[in-house]
Amino acid sequence: MSSELVFAHQGGWDEALLVVGPLIIIGGLLHLANRRLKKRLDALDDGRAAPPAAESPAVDQ
């Protein structure tokens, strides 16, 4: 068996990284979004920030 064949398959750790890597990135982004949303909701509850302006439909006259 040549060394290239052994090196090409290292027990599956490289395949595991292909699965775990994106899961960690997605989990991190979800954590960041949740933290930002929680801060925004706390600010709205405290009255420190104005809620986003609601767009009213245009009225034809």
C-alpha atoms as a PDB file:
ATOM      1  CA  MET A   1       0.000   0.000   0.000  1.00  0.00           C
ATOM      2  CA  SER A   2       1.481   3.337  -0.989  1.00  0.00           C
ATOM      3  CA  SER A   3       1.719   6.319   1.342  1.00  0.00           C
ATOM      4  CA  GLU A   4      -0.640   8.364  -0.851  1.00  0.00           C
ATOM      5  CA  LEU A   5      -3.491   5.937  -0.273  1.00  0.00           C
ATOM      6  CA  VAL A   6      -2.968   6.006   3.479  1.00  0.00           C
ATOM      7  CA  PHE A   7      -2.742   9.807   3.528  1.00  0.00           C
ATOM      8  CA  ALA A   8      -5.851  10.214   1.390  1.00  0.00           C
ATOM      9  CA  HIS A   9      -8.022   8.528   4.008  1.00  0.00           C
ATOM     10  CA  GLN A  10      -7.116   9.485   7.579  1.00  0.00           C
ATOM     11  CA  GLY A  11      -9.836   7.656   9.443  1.00  0.00           C
ATOM     12  CA  GLY A  12     -12.679   9.958   8.473  1.00  0.00           C
ATOM     13  CA  TRP A  13     -11.631  13.122  10.327  1.00  0.00           C
ATOM     14  CA  ASP A  14     -11.607  15.122   7.102  1.00  0.00           C
ATOM     15  CA  GLU A  15     -15.142  13.995   6.262  1.00  0.00           C
ATOM     16  CA  ALA A  16     -16.228  14.879   9.790  1.00  0.00           C
ATOM     17  CA  LEU A  17     -14.858  18.400   9.320  1.00  0.00           C
ATOM     18  CA  LEU A  18     -16.965  18.786   6.178  1.00  0.00           C
ATOM     19  CA  VAL A  19     -20.070  18.108   8.284  1.00  0.00           C
ATOM     20  CA  VAL A  20     -19.122  19.750  11.589  1.00  0.00           C
ATOM     21  CA  GLY A  21     -17.615  22.911  10.073  1.00  0.00           C
ATOM     22  CA  PRO A  22     -20.804  24.241   8.459  1.00  0.00           C
ATOM     23  CA  LEU A  23     -22.850  23.205  11.505  1.00  0.00           C
ATOM     24  CA  ILE A  24     -20.594  25.288  13.762  1.00  0.00           C
ATOM     25  CA  ILE A  25     -20.834  28.275  11.406  1.00  0.00           C
ATOM     26  CA  ILE A  26     -24.641  28.058  11.206  1.00  0.00           C
ATOM     27  CA  GLY A  27     -24.912  27.622  14.981  1.00  0.00           C
ATOM     28  CA  GLY A  28     -22.678  30.647  15.544  1.00  0.00           C
ATOM     29  CA  LEU A  29     -24.752  32.792  13.187  1.00  0.00           C
ATOM     30  CA  LEU A  30     -27.979  31.720  14.903  1.00  0.00           C
ATOM     31  CA  HIS A  31     -26.463  32.535  18.299  1.00  0.00           C
ATOM     32  CA  LEU A  32     -25.381  35.971  17.059  1.00  0.00           C
ATOM     33  CA  ALA A  33     -28.813  36.718  15.576  1.00  0.00           C
ATOM     34  CA  ASN A  34     -30.556  35.602  18.770  1.00  0.00           C
ATOM     35  CA  ARG A  35     -28.279  37.782  20.909  1.00  0.00           C
ATOM     36  CA  ARG A  36     -28.882  40.829  18.674  1.00  0.00           C
ATOM     37  CA  LEU A  37     -32.643  40.267  18.730  1.00  0.00           C
ATOM     38  CA  LYS A  38     -32.657  39.912  22.510  1.00  0.00           C
ATOM     39  CA  LYS A  39     -30.769  43.214  22.874  1.00  0.00           C
ATOM     40  CA  ARG A  40     -33.198  44.921  20.492  1.00  0.00           C
ATOM     41  CA  LEU A  41     -36.239  43.616  22.386  1.00  0.00           C
ATOM     42  CA  ASP A  42     -34.745  44.691  25.727  1.00  0.00           C
ATOM     43  CA  ALA A  43     -34.112  48.161  24.313  1.00  0.00           C
ATOM     44  CA  LEU A  44     -37.711  48.378  23.081  1.00  0.00           C
ATOM     45  CA  ASP A  45     -39.054  47.273  26.480  1.00  0.00           C
ATOM     46  CA  ASP A  46     -36.975  49.920  28.231  1.00  0.00           C
ATOM     47  CA  GLY A  47     -38.121  52.614  25.819  1.00  0.00           C
ATOM     48  CA  ARG A  48     -34.566  53.436  24.772  1.00  0.00           C
ATOM     49  CA  ALA A  49     -35.146  52.754  21.112  1.00  0.00           C
ATOM     50  CA  ALA A  50     -38.041  53.640  18.901  1.00  0.00           C
ATOM     51  CA  PRO A  51     -39.745  50.755  17.146  1.00  0.00           C
ATOM     52  CA  PRO A  52     -39.187  50.579  13.409  1.00  0.00           C
ATOM     53  CA  ALA A  53     -41.506  52.873  11.489  1.00  0.00           C
ATOM     54  CA  ALA A  54     -44.483  51.032  10.091  1.00  0.00           C
ATOM     55  CA  GLU A  55     -45.208  51.835   6.509  1.00  0.00           C
ATOM     56  CA  SER A  56     -48.751  52.982   5.997  1.00  0.00           C
ATOM     57  CA  PRO A  57     -50.391  52.242   2.683  1.00  0.00           C
ATOM     58  CA  ALA A  58     -50.664  55.162   0.300  1.00  0.00           C
ATOM     59  CA  VAL A  59     -54.086  56.757   0.250  1.00  0.00           C
ATOM     60  CA  ASP A  60     -55.365  57.901  -3.132  1.00  0.00           C
ATOM     61  CA  GLN A  61     -57.271  61.159  -3.007  1.00  0.00           C
END
